[in-house]
Amino acid sequence: ANHSLFWQVIAPNAGGEPTGELADAITGKFGSFDAFKEEFAKAATTRFGSGWAWLAVNNGELEVTSTPNQDSPLMEGKTPVLGLDVWEHAYYLNYQNRRPEYINSFWNVVNWDEVSKRYSAAK
C-alpha cells in the first residue's frame, strides 16, 4: 500500500505548493507551508533506519508522522495523503547517505493535485 500511494503522489515536473482546501488546512494546522515542510522533513530525517514519513488525516485533522519499516498510518486508523519512502533503497544510488538532500528534492516532484484529491476524500 505504501508504494502504491508513493507512485501516485509524485510526478515529473510537479512540485510547487498546494492550493485550495489543502493549502488552507496546511496553513491552519502548521502555520505556513514552509513550517509544514520543516515538520515533514524532520519526521523523515529522524526516522531511524528504514521507514516512511507521512502527511495523514486523523479524525479530519492533518498530522505529520513517520512509521518504521513497511508500517502505514492505515494501521492506526489514519488516512495517508502524502508519503515519502526513507528506506535507503529509495535514495542511495543518487544520494548515498545524504537523506536530507533526498528529502529536499522530494518537494520538486510532489503532485499536489493528487494529494489534494486524497485530502478531500479523507477529511
PDB file of N, CA and C in Angstrom:
ATOM      1  N   ALA A   1       0.824  -1.196   0.000  1.00  0.00           N
ATOM      2  CA  ALA A   1       0.000   0.000   0.000  1.00  0.00           C
ATOM      3  C   ALA A   1       0.867   1.259   0.000  1.00  0.00           C
ATOM      4  N   ASN A   2       2.000   1.223   0.706  1.00  0.00           N
ATOM      5  CA  ASN A   2       2.840   2.417   0.805  1.00  0.00           C
ATOM      6  C   ASN A   2       3.364   2.852  -0.559  1.00  0.00           C
ATOM      7  N   HIS A   3       3.932   1.905  -1.305  1.00  0.00           N
ATOM      8  CA  HIS A   3       4.484   2.270  -2.606  1.00  0.00           C
ATOM      9  C   HIS A   3       3.390   2.631  -3.602  1.00  0.00           C
ATOM     10  N   SER A   4       2.225   2.030  -3.487  1.00  0.00           N
ATOM     11  CA  SER A   4       1.116   2.396  -4.377  1.00  0.00           C
ATOM     12  C   SER A   4       0.780   3.872  -4.217  1.00  0.00           C
ATOM     13  N   LEU A   5       0.708   4.340  -2.986  1.00  0.00           N
ATOM     14  CA  LEU A   5       0.438   5.756  -2.740  1.00  0.00           C
ATOM     15  C   LEU A   5       1.613   6.605  -3.218  1.00  0.00           C
ATOM     16  N   PHE A   6       2.816   6.185  -2.887  1.00  0.00           N
ATOM     17  CA  PHE A   6       4.018   6.953  -3.225  1.00  0.00           C
ATOM     18  C   PHE A   6       4.074   7.265  -4.715  1.00  0.00           C
ATOM     19  N   TRP A   7       3.863   6.255  -5.556  1.00  0.00           N
ATOM     20  CA  TRP A   7       3.976   6.465  -7.000  1.00  0.00           C
ATOM     21  C   TRP A   7       2.851   7.341  -7.543  1.00  0.00           C
ATOM     22  N   GLN A   8       1.744   7.439  -6.827  1.00  0.00           N
ATOM     23  CA  GLN A   8       0.632   8.276  -7.284  1.00  0.00           C
ATOM     24  C   GLN A   8       0.764   9.734  -6.852  1.00  0.00           C
ATOM     25  N   VAL A   9       1.522   9.997  -5.809  1.00  0.00           N
ATOM     26  CA  VAL A   9       1.624  11.376  -5.311  1.00  0.00           C
ATOM     27  C   VAL A   9       2.900  12.079  -5.764  1.00  0.00           C
ATOM     28  N   ILE A  10       3.642  11.444  -6.687  1.00  0.00           N
ATOM     29  CA  ILE A  10       4.791  12.117  -7.289  1.00  0.00           C
ATOM     30  C   ILE A  10       4.613  12.114  -8.805  1.00  0.00           C
ATOM     31  N   ALA A  11       5.219  13.091  -9.449  1.00  0.00           N
ATOM     32  CA  ALA A  11       5.134  13.205 -10.902  1.00  0.00           C
ATOM     33  C   ALA A  11       6.290  14.073 -11.394  1.00  0.00           C
ATOM     34  N   PRO A  12       6.749  13.814 -12.615  1.00  0.00           N
ATOM     35  CA  PRO A  12       7.781  14.698 -13.166  1.00  0.00           C
ATOM     36  C   PRO A  12       7.203  16.097 -13.370  1.00  0.00           C
ATOM     37  N   ASN A  13       8.032  17.076 -13.248  1.00  0.00           N
ATOM     38  CA  ASN A  13       7.622  18.471 -13.453  1.00  0.00           C
ATOM     39  C   ASN A  13       6.467  18.883 -12.548  1.00  0.00           C
ATOM     40  N   ALA A  14       6.437  18.338 -11.352  1.00  0.00           N
ATOM     41  CA  ALA A  14       5.391  18.690 -10.389  1.00  0.00           C
ATOM     42  C   ALA A  14       5.979  19.699  -9.404  1.00  0.00           C
ATOM     43  N   GLY A  15       5.740  19.500  -8.128  1.00  0.00           N
ATOM     44  CA  GLY A  15       6.287  20.409  -7.119  1.00  0.00           C
ATOM     45  C   GLY A  15       5.395  21.609  -6.902  1.00  0.00           C
ATOM     46  N   GLY A  16       5.982  22.691  -6.486  1.00  0.00           N
ATOM     47  CA  GLY A  16       5.212  23.886  -6.173  1.00  0.00           C
ATOM     48  C   GLY A  16       4.577  23.787  -4.802  1.00  0.00           C
ATOM     49  N   GLU A  17       3.388  24.340  -4.677  1.00  0.00           N
ATOM     50  CA  GLU A  17       2.671  24.341  -3.403  1.00  0.00           C
ATOM     51  C   GLU A  17       1.229  23.926  -3.639  1.00  0.00           C
ATOM     52  N   PRO A  18       0.589  23.384  -2.615  1.00  0.00           N
ATOM     53  CA  PRO A  18      -0.827  23.045  -2.754  1.00  0.00           C
ATOM     54  C   PRO A  18      -1.675  24.312  -2.828  1.00  0.00           C
ATOM     55  N   THR A  19      -2.896  24.151  -3.314  1.00  0.00           N
ATOM     56  CA  THR A  19      -3.842  25.258  -3.378  1.00  0.00           C
ATOM     57  C   THR A  19      -5.157  24.807  -2.743  1.00  0.00           C
ATOM     58  N   GLY A  20      -6.075  25.729  -2.631  1.00  0.00           N
ATOM     59  CA  GLY A  20      -7.426  25.397  -2.189  1.00  0.00           C
ATOM     60  C   GLY A  20      -7.506  24.883  -0.766  1.00  0.00           C
ATOM     61  N   GLU A  21      -8.414  23.920  -0.565  1.00  0.00           N
ATOM     62  CA  GLU A  21      -8.687  23.380   0.777  1.00  0.00           C
ATOM     63  C   GLU A  21      -7.444  22.824   1.451  1.00  0.00           C
ATOM     64  N   LEU A  22      -6.625  22.109   0.690  1.00  0.00           N
ATOM     65  CA  LEU A  22      -5.427  21.521   1.283  1.00  0.00           C
ATOM     66  C   LEU A  22      -4.468  22.607   1.752  1.00  0.00           C
ATOM     67  N   ALA A  23      -4.265  23.617   0.936  1.00  0.00           N
ATOM     68  CA  ALA A  23      -3.383  24.723   1.342  1.00  0.00           C
ATOM     69  C   ALA A  23      -3.907  25.388   2.607  1.00  0.00           C
ATOM     70  N   ASP A  24      -5.211  25.607   2.658  1.00  0.00           N
ATOM     71  CA  ASP A  24      -5.811  26.223   3.846  1.00  0.00           C
ATOM     72  C   ASP A  24      -5.635  25.343   5.078  1.00  0.00           C
ATOM     73  N   ALA A  25      -5.817  24.032   4.900  1.00  0.00           N
ATOM     74  CA  ALA A  25      -5.683  23.104   6.025  1.00  0.00           C
ATOM     75  C   ALA A  25      -4.240  23.043   6.522  1.00  0.00           C
ATOM     76  N   ILE A  26      -3.290  23.054   5.596  1.00  0.00           N
ATOM     77  CA  ILE A  26      -1.871  23.035   5.980  1.00  0.00           C
ATOM     78  C   ILE A  26      -1.521  24.308   6.747  1.00  0.00           C
ATOM     79  N   THR A  27      -1.941  25.450   6.232  1.00  0.00           N
ATOM     80  CA  THR A  27      -1.666  26.716   6.919  1.00  0.00           C
ATOM     81  C   THR A  27      -2.342  26.753   8.281  1.00  0.00           C
ATOM     82  N   GLY A  28      -3.577  26.268   8.347  1.00  0.00           N
ATOM     83  CA  GLY A  28      -4.299  26.251   9.617  1.00  0.00           C
ATOM     84  C   GLY A  28      -3.653  25.360  10.656  1.00  0.00           C
ATOM     85  N   LYS A  29      -3.125  24.228  10.227  1.00  0.00           N
ATOM     86  CA  LYS A  29      -2.534  23.262  11.164  1.00  0.00           C
ATOM     87  C   LYS A  29      -1.093  23.610  11.529  1.00  0.00           C
ATOM     88  N   PHE A  30      -0.298  23.992  10.543  1.00  0.00           N
ATOM     89  CA  PHE A  30       1.141  24.149  10.758  1.00  0.00           C
ATOM     90  C   PHE A  30       1.608  25.608  10.788  1.00  0.00           C
ATOM     91  N   GLY A  31       0.737  26.541  10.416  1.00  0.00           N
ATOM     92  CA  GLY A  31       1.096  27.952  10.427  1.00  0.00           C
ATOM     93  C   GLY A  31       1.509  28.483   9.073  1.00  0.00           C
ATOM     94  N   SER A  32       2.178  27.648   8.281  1.00  0.00           N
ATOM     95  CA  SER A  32       2.590  28.027   6.927  1.00  0.00           C
ATOM     96  C   SER A  32       3.015  26.769   6.182  1.00  0.00           C
ATOM     97  N   PHE A  33       3.108  26.890   4.873  1.00  0.00           N
ATOM     98  CA  PHE A  33       3.579  25.764   4.068  1.00  0.00           C
ATOM     99  C   PHE A  33       5.029  25.430   4.423  1.00  0.00           C
ATOM    100  N   ASP A  34       5.851  26.456   4.615  1.00  0.00           N
ATOM    101  CA  ASP A  34       7.253  26.216   4.981  1.00  0.00           C
ATOM    102  C   ASP A  34       7.372  25.500   6.324  1.00  0.00           C
ATOM    103  N   ALA A  35       6.533  25.875   7.285  1.00  0.00           N
ATOM    104  CA  ALA A  35       6.560  25.200   8.591  1.00  0.00           C
ATOM    105  C   ALA A  35       6.138  23.740   8.449  1.00  0.00           C
ATOM    106  N   PHE A  36       5.151  23.474   7.591  1.00  0.00           N
ATOM    107  CA  PHE A  36       4.762  22.089   7.315  1.00  0.00           C
ATOM    108  C   PHE A  36       5.937  21.317   6.721  1.00  0.00           C
ATOM    109  N   LYS A  37       6.603  21.896   5.720  1.00  0.00           N
ATOM    110  CA  LYS A  37       7.734  21.211   5.089  1.00  0.00           C
ATOM    111  C   LYS A  37       8.829  20.903   6.105  1.00  0.00           C
ATOM    112  N   GLU A  38       9.069  21.820   7.027  1.00  0.00           N
ATOM    113  CA  GLU A  38      10.081  21.591   8.063  1.00  0.00           C
ATOM    114  C   GLU A  38       9.683  20.428   8.965  1.00  0.00           C
ATOM    115  N   GLU A  39       8.417  20.380   9.362  1.00  0.00           N
ATOM    116  CA  GLU A  39       7.964  19.290  10.231  1.00  0.00           C
ATOM    117  C   GLU A  39       8.012  17.952   9.501  1.00  0.00           C
ATOM    118  N   PHE A  40       7.606  17.939   8.239  1.00  0.00           N
ATOM    119  CA  PHE A  40       7.644  16.717   7.441  1.00  0.00           C
ATOM    120  C   PHE A  40       9.092  16.249   7.268  1.00  0.00           C
ATOM    121  N   ALA A  41       9.983  17.183   6.935  1.00  0.00           N
ATOM    122  CA  ALA A  41      11.397  16.844   6.765  1.00  0.00           C
ATOM    123  C   ALA A  41      11.995  16.311   8.060  1.00  0.00           C
ATOM    124  N   LYS A  42      11.591  16.879   9.185  1.00  0.00           N
ATOM    125  CA  LYS A  42      12.080  16.384  10.478  1.00  0.00           C
ATOM    126  C   LYS A  42      11.620  14.945  10.707  1.00  0.00           C
ATOM    127  N   ALA A  43      10.359  14.659  10.392  1.00  0.00           N
ATOM    128  CA  ALA A  43       9.850  13.291  10.551  1.00  0.00           C
ATOM    129  C   ALA A  43      10.618  12.324   9.660  1.00  0.00           C
ATOM    130  N   ALA A  44      10.935  12.754   8.446  1.00  0.00           N
ATOM    131  CA  ALA A  44      11.659  11.897   7.508  1.00  0.00           C
ATOM    132  C   ALA A  44      13.124  11.733   7.900  1.00  0.00           C
ATOM    133  N   THR A  45      13.742  12.806   8.339  1.00  0.00           N
ATOM    134  CA  THR A  45      15.164  12.781   8.685  1.00  0.00           C
ATOM    135  C   THR A  45      15.423  11.997   9.965  1.00  0.00           C
ATOM    136  N   THR A  46      14.541  12.116  10.926  1.00  0.00           N
ATOM    137  CA  THR A  46      14.769  11.485  12.229  1.00  0.00           C
ATOM    138  C   THR A  46      14.236  10.057  12.317  1.00  0.00           C
ATOM    139  N   ARG A  47      13.595   9.559  11.260  1.00  0.00           N
ATOM    140  CA  ARG A  47      13.161   8.157  11.245  1.00  0.00           C
ATOM    141  C   ARG A  47      14.421   7.302  11.206  1.00  0.00           C
ATOM    142  N   PHE A  48      14.717   6.616  12.298  1.00  0.00           N
ATOM    143  CA  PHE A  48      15.924   5.797  12.377  1.00  0.00           C
ATOM    144  C   PHE A  48      15.749   4.563  11.503  1.00  0.00           C
ATOM    145  N   GLY A  49      16.744   4.294  10.677  1.00  0.00           N
ATOM    146  CA  GLY A  49      16.683   3.112   9.824  1.00  0.00           C
ATOM    147  C   GLY A  49      15.676   3.291   8.708  1.00  0.00           C
ATOM    148  N   SER A  50      14.995   2.213   8.386  1.00  0.00           N
ATOM    149  CA  SER A  50      14.062   2.204   7.270  1.00  0.00           C
ATOM    150  C   SER A  50      12.669   2.620   7.705  1.00  0.00           C
ATOM    151  N   GLY A  51      11.945   3.282   6.809  1.00  0.00           N
ATOM    152  CA  GLY A  51      10.582   3.666   7.130  1.00  0.00           C
ATOM    153  C   GLY A  51      10.034   4.700   6.177  1.00  0.00           C
ATOM    154  N   TRP A  52       9.039   5.412   6.665  1.00  0.00           N
ATOM    155  CA  TRP A  52       8.291   6.364   5.856  1.00  0.00           C
ATOM    156  C   TRP A  52       7.963   7.612   6.666  1.00  0.00           C
ATOM    157  N   ALA A  53       7.835   8.742   5.968  1.00  0.00           N
ATOM    158  CA  ALA A  53       7.272   9.967   6.544  1.00  0.00           C
ATOM    159  C   ALA A  53       5.933  10.202   5.866  1.00  0.00           C
ATOM    160  N   TRP A  54       4.979  10.735   6.636  1.00  0.00           N
ATOM    161  CA  TRP A  54       3.607  10.846   6.142  1.00  0.00           C
ATOM    162  C   TRP A  54       2.967  12.179   6.479  1.00  0.00           C
ATOM    163  N   LEU A  55       2.092  12.627   5.582  1.00  0.00           N
ATOM    164  CA  LEU A  55       1.052  13.591   5.905  1.00  0.00           C
ATOM    165  C   LEU A  55      -0.226  12.771   5.872  1.00  0.00           C
ATOM    166  N   ALA A  56      -0.914  12.724   6.998  1.00  0.00           N
ATOM    167  CA  ALA A  56      -2.097  11.878   7.113  1.00  0.00           C
ATOM    168  C   ALA A  56      -3.259  12.676   7.685  1.00  0.00           C
ATOM    169  N   VAL A  57      -4.453  12.142   7.466  1.00  0.00           N
ATOM    170  CA  VAL A  57      -5.663  12.713   8.052  1.00  0.00           C
ATOM    171  C   VAL A  57      -6.077  11.805   9.197  1.00  0.00           C
ATOM    172  N   ASN A  58      -6.249  12.401  10.372  1.00  0.00           N
ATOM    173  CA  ASN A  58      -6.645  11.674  11.573  1.00  0.00           C
ATOM    174  C   ASN A  58      -7.845  12.399  12.176  1.00  0.00           C
ATOM    175  N   ASN A  59      -9.001  11.768  12.119  1.00  0.00           N
ATOM    176  CA  ASN A  59     -10.233  12.399  12.621  1.00  0.00           C
ATOM    177  C   ASN A  59     -10.461  13.779  12.010  1.00  0.00           C
ATOM    178  N   GLY A  60     -10.241  13.880  10.706  1.00  0.00           N
ATOM    179  CA  GLY A  60     -10.486  15.124   9.989  1.00  0.00           C
ATOM    180  C   GLY A  60      -9.375  16.145  10.057  1.00  0.00           C
ATOM    181  N   GLU A  61      -8.329  15.868  10.827  1.00  0.00           N
ATOM    182  CA  GLU A  61      -7.216  16.808  11.003  1.00  0.00           C
ATOM    183  C   GLU A  61      -5.948  16.276  10.343  1.00  0.00           C
ATOM    184  N   LEU A  62      -5.176  17.176   9.768  1.00  0.00           N
ATOM    185  CA  LEU A  62      -3.880  16.796   9.213  1.00  0.00           C
ATOM    186  C   LEU A  62      -2.876  16.550  10.328  1.00  0.00           C
ATOM    187  N   GLU A  63      -1.987  15.605  10.107  1.00  0.00           N
ATOM    188  CA  GLU A  63      -0.859  15.414  11.019  1.00  0.00           C
ATOM    189  C   GLU A  63       0.315  14.844  10.247  1.00  0.00           C
ATOM    190  N   VAL A  64       1.500  15.182  10.699  1.00  0.00           N
ATOM    191  CA  VAL A  64       2.734  14.618  10.166  1.00  0.00           C
ATOM    192  C   VAL A  64       3.169  13.528  11.117  1.00  0.00           C
ATOM    193  N   THR A  65       3.554  12.404  10.548  1.00  0.00           N
ATOM    194  CA  THR A  65       4.004  11.281  11.357  1.00  0.00           C
ATOM    195  C   THR A  65       5.035  10.491  10.569  1.00  0.00           C
ATOM    196  N   SER A  66       5.640   9.521  11.203  1.00  0.00           N
ATOM    197  CA  SER A  66       6.515   8.591  10.489  1.00  0.00           C
ATOM    198  C   SER A  66       6.256   7.198  11.026  1.00  0.00           C
ATOM    199  N   THR A  67       6.569   6.219  10.196  1.00  0.00           N
ATOM    200  CA  THR A  67       6.377   4.828  10.593  1.00  0.00           C
ATOM    201  C   THR A  67       7.632   4.036  10.268  1.00  0.00           C
ATOM    202  N   PRO A  68       7.914   3.002  11.057  1.00  0.00           N
ATOM    203  CA  PRO A  68       9.074   2.168  10.766  1.00  0.00           C
ATOM    204  C   PRO A  68       8.770   1.166   9.659  1.00  0.00           C
ATOM    205  N   ASN A  69       9.815   0.766   8.980  1.00  0.00           N
ATOM    206  CA  ASN A  69       9.750  -0.325   8.007  1.00  0.00           C
ATOM    207  C   ASN A  69       8.609  -0.134   7.025  1.00  0.00           C
ATOM    208  N   GLN A  70       7.755  -1.151   6.862  1.00  0.00           N
ATOM    209  CA  GLN A  70       6.654  -1.087   5.908  1.00  0.00           C
ATOM    210  C   GLN A  70       5.349  -0.649   6.564  1.00  0.00           C
ATOM    211  N   ASP A  71       5.379  -0.242   7.823  1.00  0.00           N
ATOM    212  CA  ASP A  71       4.157   0.164   8.517  1.00  0.00           C
ATOM    213  C   ASP A  71       3.538   1.390   7.840  1.00  0.00           C
ATOM    214  N   SER A  72       2.240   1.561   8.054  1.00  0.00           N
ATOM    215  CA  SER A  72       1.477   2.627   7.421  1.00  0.00           C
ATOM    216  C   SER A  72       0.555   3.272   8.444  1.00  0.00           C
ATOM    217  N   PRO A  73       0.210   4.544   8.257  1.00  0.00           N
ATOM    218  CA  PRO A  73      -0.790   5.165   9.128  1.00  0.00           C
ATOM    219  C   PRO A  73      -2.132   4.430   9.095  1.00  0.00           C
ATOM    220  N   LEU A  74      -2.396   3.706   8.022  1.00  0.00           N
ATOM    221  CA  LEU A  74      -3.632   2.920   7.934  1.00  0.00           C
ATOM    222  C   LEU A  74      -3.756   1.962   9.107  1.00  0.00           C
ATOM    223  N   MET A  75      -2.629   1.480   9.603  1.00  0.00           N
ATOM    224  CA  MET A  75      -2.623   0.524  10.709  1.00  0.00           C
ATOM    225  C   MET A  75      -3.121   1.161  12.001  1.00  0.00           C
ATOM    226  N   GLU A  76      -3.121   2.496  12.059  1.00  0.00           N
ATOM    227  CA  GLU A  76      -3.582   3.237  13.236  1.00  0.00           C
ATOM    228  C   GLU A  76      -4.909   3.945  12.968  1.00  0.00           C
ATOM    229  N   GLY A  77      -5.574   3.585  11.867  1.00  0.00           N
ATOM    230  CA  GLY A  77      -6.856   4.190  11.538  1.00  0.00           C
ATOM    231  C   GLY A  77      -6.761   5.567  10.914  1.00  0.00           C
ATOM    232  N   LYS A  78      -5.570   5.952  10.475  1.00  0.00           N
ATOM    233  CA  LYS A  78      -5.357   7.250   9.832  1.00  0.00           C
ATOM    234  C   LYS A  78      -5.321   7.048   8.320  1.00  0.00           C
ATOM    235  N   THR A  79      -5.570   8.118   7.575  1.00  0.00           N
ATOM    236  CA  THR A  79      -5.554   8.036   6.115  1.00  0.00           C
ATOM    237  C   THR A  79      -4.366   8.817   5.571  1.00  0.00           C
ATOM    238  N   PRO A  80      -3.373   8.139   5.008  1.00  0.00           N
ATOM    239  CA  PRO A  80      -2.233   8.849   4.434  1.00  0.00           C
ATOM    240  C   PRO A  80      -2.631   9.557   3.140  1.00  0.00           C
ATOM    241  N   VAL A  81      -2.163  10.788   2.974  1.00  0.00           N
ATOM    242  CA  VAL A  81      -2.416  11.526   1.735  1.00  0.00           C
ATOM    243  C   VAL A  81      -1.113  11.881   1.014  1.00  0.00           C
ATOM    244  N   LEU A  82       0.011  11.794   1.716  1.00  0.00           N
ATOM    245  CA  LEU A  82       1.333  12.034   1.137  1.00  0.00           C
ATOM    246  C   LEU A  82       2.319  11.174   1.902  1.00  0.00           C
ATOM    247  N   GLY A  83       3.155  10.453   1.182  1.00  0.00           N
ATOM    248  CA  GLY A  83       4.142   9.607   1.842  1.00  0.00           C
ATOM    249  C   GLY A  83       5.486   9.698   1.158  1.00  0.00           C
ATOM    250  N   LEU A  84       6.534   9.596   1.948  1.00  0.00           N
ATOM    251  CA  LEU A  84       7.903   9.609   1.431  1.00  0.00           C
ATOM    252  C   LEU A  84       8.643   8.394   1.960  1.00  0.00           C
ATOM    253  N   ASP A  85       9.135   7.594   1.044  1.00  0.00           N
ATOM    254  CA  ASP A  85       9.905   6.398   1.356  1.00  0.00           C
ATOM    255  C   ASP A  85      11.303   6.824   1.801  1.00  0.00           C
ATOM    256  N   VAL A  86      11.681   6.514   3.040  1.00  0.00           N
ATOM    257  CA  VAL A  86      13.027   6.847   3.504  1.00  0.00           C
ATOM    258  C   VAL A  86      13.871   5.600   3.761  1.00  0.00           C
ATOM    259  N   TRP A  87      13.477   4.485   3.147  1.00  0.00           N
ATOM    260  CA  TRP A  87      14.364   3.326   3.118  1.00  0.00           C
ATOM    261  C   TRP A  87      15.562   3.705   2.251  1.00  0.00           C
ATOM    262  N   GLU A  88      16.726   3.185   2.571  1.00  0.00           N
ATOM    263  CA  GLU A  88      17.920   3.509   1.779  1.00  0.00           C
ATOM    264  C   GLU A  88      17.755   3.169   0.308  1.00  0.00           C
ATOM    265  N   HIS A  89      17.006   2.100  -0.007  1.00  0.00           N
ATOM    266  CA  HIS A  89      16.855   1.724  -1.420  1.00  0.00           C
ATOM    267  C   HIS A  89      16.205   2.832  -2.244  1.00  0.00           C
ATOM    268  N   ALA A  90      15.478   3.727  -1.592  1.00  0.00           N
ATOM    269  CA  ALA A  90      14.775   4.795  -2.302  1.00  0.00           C
ATOM    270  C   ALA A  90      15.717   5.900  -2.775  1.00  0.00           C
ATOM    271  N   TYR A  91      16.841   6.067  -2.096  1.00  0.00           N
ATOM    272  CA  TYR A  91      17.677   7.227  -2.417  1.00  0.00           C
ATOM    273  C   TYR A  91      19.164   6.944  -2.550  1.00  0.00           C
ATOM    274  N   TYR A  92      19.633   5.763  -2.187  1.00  0.00           N
ATOM    275  CA  TYR A  92      21.073   5.560  -2.063  1.00  0.00           C
ATOM    276  C   TYR A  92      21.832   5.739  -3.379  1.00  0.00           C
ATOM    277  N   LEU A  93      21.285   5.269  -4.486  1.00  0.00           N
ATOM    278  CA  LEU A  93      22.015   5.382  -5.756  1.00  0.00           C
ATOM    279  C   LEU A  93      22.297   6.832  -6.139  1.00  0.00           C
ATOM    280  N   ASN A  94      21.354   7.709  -5.875  1.00  0.00           N
ATOM    281  CA  ASN A  94      21.539   9.119  -6.237  1.00  0.00           C
ATOM    282  C   ASN A  94      22.100   9.980  -5.117  1.00  0.00           C
ATOM    283  N   TYR A  95      21.810   9.611  -3.869  1.00  0.00           N
ATOM    284  CA  TYR A  95      22.149  10.493  -2.748  1.00  0.00           C
ATOM    285  C   TYR A  95      23.073   9.858  -1.708  1.00  0.00           C
ATOM    286  N   GLN A  96      23.446   8.587  -1.884  1.00  0.00           N
ATOM    287  CA  GLN A  96      24.249   7.857  -0.911  1.00  0.00           C
ATOM    288  C   GLN A  96      23.648   8.040   0.489  1.00  0.00           C
ATOM    289  N   ASN A  97      24.411   8.560   1.425  1.00  0.00           N
ATOM    290  CA  ASN A  97      23.896   8.711   2.793  1.00  0.00           C
ATOM    291  C   ASN A  97      23.345  10.115   3.062  1.00  0.00           C
ATOM    292  N   ARG A  98      23.028  10.858   2.015  1.00  0.00           N
ATOM    293  CA  ARG A  98      22.554  12.241   2.162  1.00  0.00           C
ATOM    294  C   ARG A  98      21.022  12.286   2.159  1.00  0.00           C
ATOM    295  N   ARG A  99      20.416  11.652   3.142  1.00  0.00           N
ATOM    296  CA  ARG A  99      18.950  11.612   3.228  1.00  0.00           C
ATOM    297  C   ARG A  99      18.325  13.009   3.218  1.00  0.00           C
ATOM    298  N   PRO A 100      18.867  13.991   3.956  1.00  0.00           N
ATOM    299  CA  PRO A 100      18.248  15.326   3.916  1.00  0.00           C
ATOM    300  C   PRO A 100      18.180  15.928   2.506  1.00  0.00           C
ATOM    301  N   GLU A 101      19.195  15.677   1.688  1.00  0.00           N
ATOM    302  CA  GLU A 101      19.187  16.187   0.312  1.00  0.00           C
ATOM    303  C   GLU A 101      18.077  15.507  -0.505  1.00  0.00           C
ATOM    304  N   TYR A 102      17.913  14.203  -0.321  1.00  0.00           N
ATOM    305  CA  TYR A 102      16.829  13.449  -0.966  1.00  0.00           C
ATOM    306  C   TYR A 102      15.472  14.011  -0.549  1.00  0.00           C
ATOM    307  N   ILE A 103      15.302  14.271   0.738  1.00  0.00           N
ATOM    308  CA  ILE A 103      14.034  14.807   1.244  1.00  0.00           C
ATOM    309  C   ILE A 103      13.761  16.174   0.627  1.00  0.00           C
ATOM    310  N   ASN A 104      14.766  17.017   0.549  1.00  0.00           N
ATOM    311  CA  ASN A 104      14.597  18.338  -0.048  1.00  0.00           C
ATOM    312  C   ASN A 104      14.199  18.235  -1.520  1.00  0.00           C
ATOM    313  N   SER A 105      14.772  17.293  -2.242  1.00  0.00           N
ATOM    314  CA  SER A 105      14.440  17.104  -3.658  1.00  0.00           C
ATOM    315  C   SER A 105      13.025  16.578  -3.857  1.00  0.00           C
ATOM    316  N   PHE A 106      12.502  15.875  -2.869  1.00  0.00           N
ATOM    317  CA  PHE A 106      11.149  15.322  -2.942  1.00  0.00           C
ATOM    318  C   PHE A 106      10.117  16.397  -3.267  1.00  0.00           C
ATOM    319  N   TRP A 107      10.286  17.591  -2.724  1.00  0.00           N
ATOM    320  CA  TRP A 107       9.301  18.660  -2.935  1.00  0.00           C
ATOM    321  C   TRP A 107       9.188  19.060  -4.397  1.00  0.00           C
ATOM    322  N   ASN A 108      10.189  18.749  -5.211  1.00  0.00           N
ATOM    323  CA  ASN A 108      10.151  19.086  -6.639  1.00  0.00           C
ATOM    324  C   ASN A 108       9.276  18.147  -7.455  1.00  0.00           C
ATOM    325  N   VAL A 109       8.857  17.040  -6.866  1.00  0.00           N
ATOM    326  CA  VAL A 109       8.063  16.056  -7.615  1.00  0.00           C
ATOM    327  C   VAL A 109       6.711  15.751  -6.975  1.00  0.00           C
ATOM    328  N   VAL A 110       6.358  16.429  -5.894  1.00  0.00           N
ATOM    329  CA  VAL A 110       5.061  16.169  -5.256  1.00  0.00           C
ATOM    330  C   VAL A 110       3.938  16.627  -6.190  1.00  0.00           C
ATOM    331  N   ASN A 111       3.008  15.729  -6.441  1.00  0.00           N
ATOM    332  CA  ASN A 111       1.838  16.003  -7.269  1.00  0.00           C
ATOM    333  C   ASN A 111       0.725  16.506  -6.347  1.00  0.00           C
ATOM    334  N   TRP A 112       0.687  17.821  -6.132  1.00  0.00           N
ATOM    335  CA  TRP A 112      -0.249  18.391  -5.167  1.00  0.00           C
ATOM    336  C   TRP A 112      -1.703  18.208  -5.577  1.00  0.00           C
ATOM    337  N   ASP A 113      -1.980  18.091  -6.868  1.00  0.00           N
ATOM    338  CA  ASP A 113      -3.360  17.828  -7.298  1.00  0.00           C
ATOM    339  C   ASP A 113      -3.834  16.486  -6.758  1.00  0.00           C
ATOM    340  N   GLU A 114      -2.989  15.476  -6.842  1.00  0.00           N
ATOM    341  CA  GLU A 114      -3.345  14.149  -6.325  1.00  0.00           C
ATOM    342  C   GLU A 114      -3.450  14.160  -4.803  1.00  0.00           C
ATOM    343  N   VAL A 115      -2.520  14.826  -4.146  1.00  0.00           N
ATOM    344  CA  VAL A 115      -2.569  14.913  -2.684  1.00  0.00           C
ATOM    345  C   VAL A 115      -3.854  15.625  -2.256  1.00  0.00           C
ATOM    346  N   SER A 116      -4.222  16.669  -2.967  1.00  0.00           N
ATOM    347  CA  SER A 116      -5.455  17.405  -2.654  1.00  0.00           C
ATOM    348  C   SER A 116      -6.687  16.525  -2.809  1.00  0.00           C
ATOM    349  N   LYS A 117      -6.730  15.719  -3.859  1.00  0.00           N
ATOM    350  CA  LYS A 117      -7.855  14.794  -4.056  1.00  0.00           C
ATOM    351  C   LYS A 117      -7.948  13.816  -2.892  1.00  0.00           C
ATOM    352  N   ARG A 118      -6.815  13.305  -2.476  1.00  0.00           N
ATOM    353  CA  ARG A 118      -6.798  12.354  -1.363  1.00  0.00           C
ATOM    354  C   ARG A 118      -7.234  13.028  -0.059  1.00  0.00           C
ATOM    355  N   TYR A 119      -6.800  14.264   0.136  1.00  0.00           N
ATOM    356  CA  TYR A 119      -7.215  15.002   1.332  1.00  0.00           C
ATOM    357  C   TYR A 119      -8.724  15.226   1.328  1.00  0.00           C
ATOM    358  N   SER A 120      -9.264  15.672   0.216  1.00  0.00           N
ATOM    359  CA  SER A 120     -10.709  15.927   0.121  1.00  0.00           C
ATOM    360  C   SER A 120     -11.520  14.670   0.405  1.00  0.00           C
ATOM    361  N   ALA A 121     -11.036  13.530  -0.065  1.00  0.00           N
ATOM    362  CA  ALA A 121     -11.746  12.264   0.158  1.00  0.00           C
ATOM    363  C   ALA A 121     -11.635  11.789   1.601  1.00  0.00           C
ATOM    364  N   ALA A 122     -10.563  12.185   2.291  1.00  0.00           N
ATOM    365  CA  ALA A 122     -10.291  11.651   3.631  1.00  0.00           C
ATOM    366  C   ALA A 122     -10.820  12.508   4.769  1.00  0.00           C
ATOM    367  N   LYS A 123     -11.010  13.795   4.535  1.00  0.00           N
ATOM    368  CA  LYS A 123     -11.341  14.700   5.656  1.00  0.00           C
ATOM    369  C   LYS A 123     -12.752  14.512   6.185  1.00  0.00           C
TER     370      LYS A 123
END
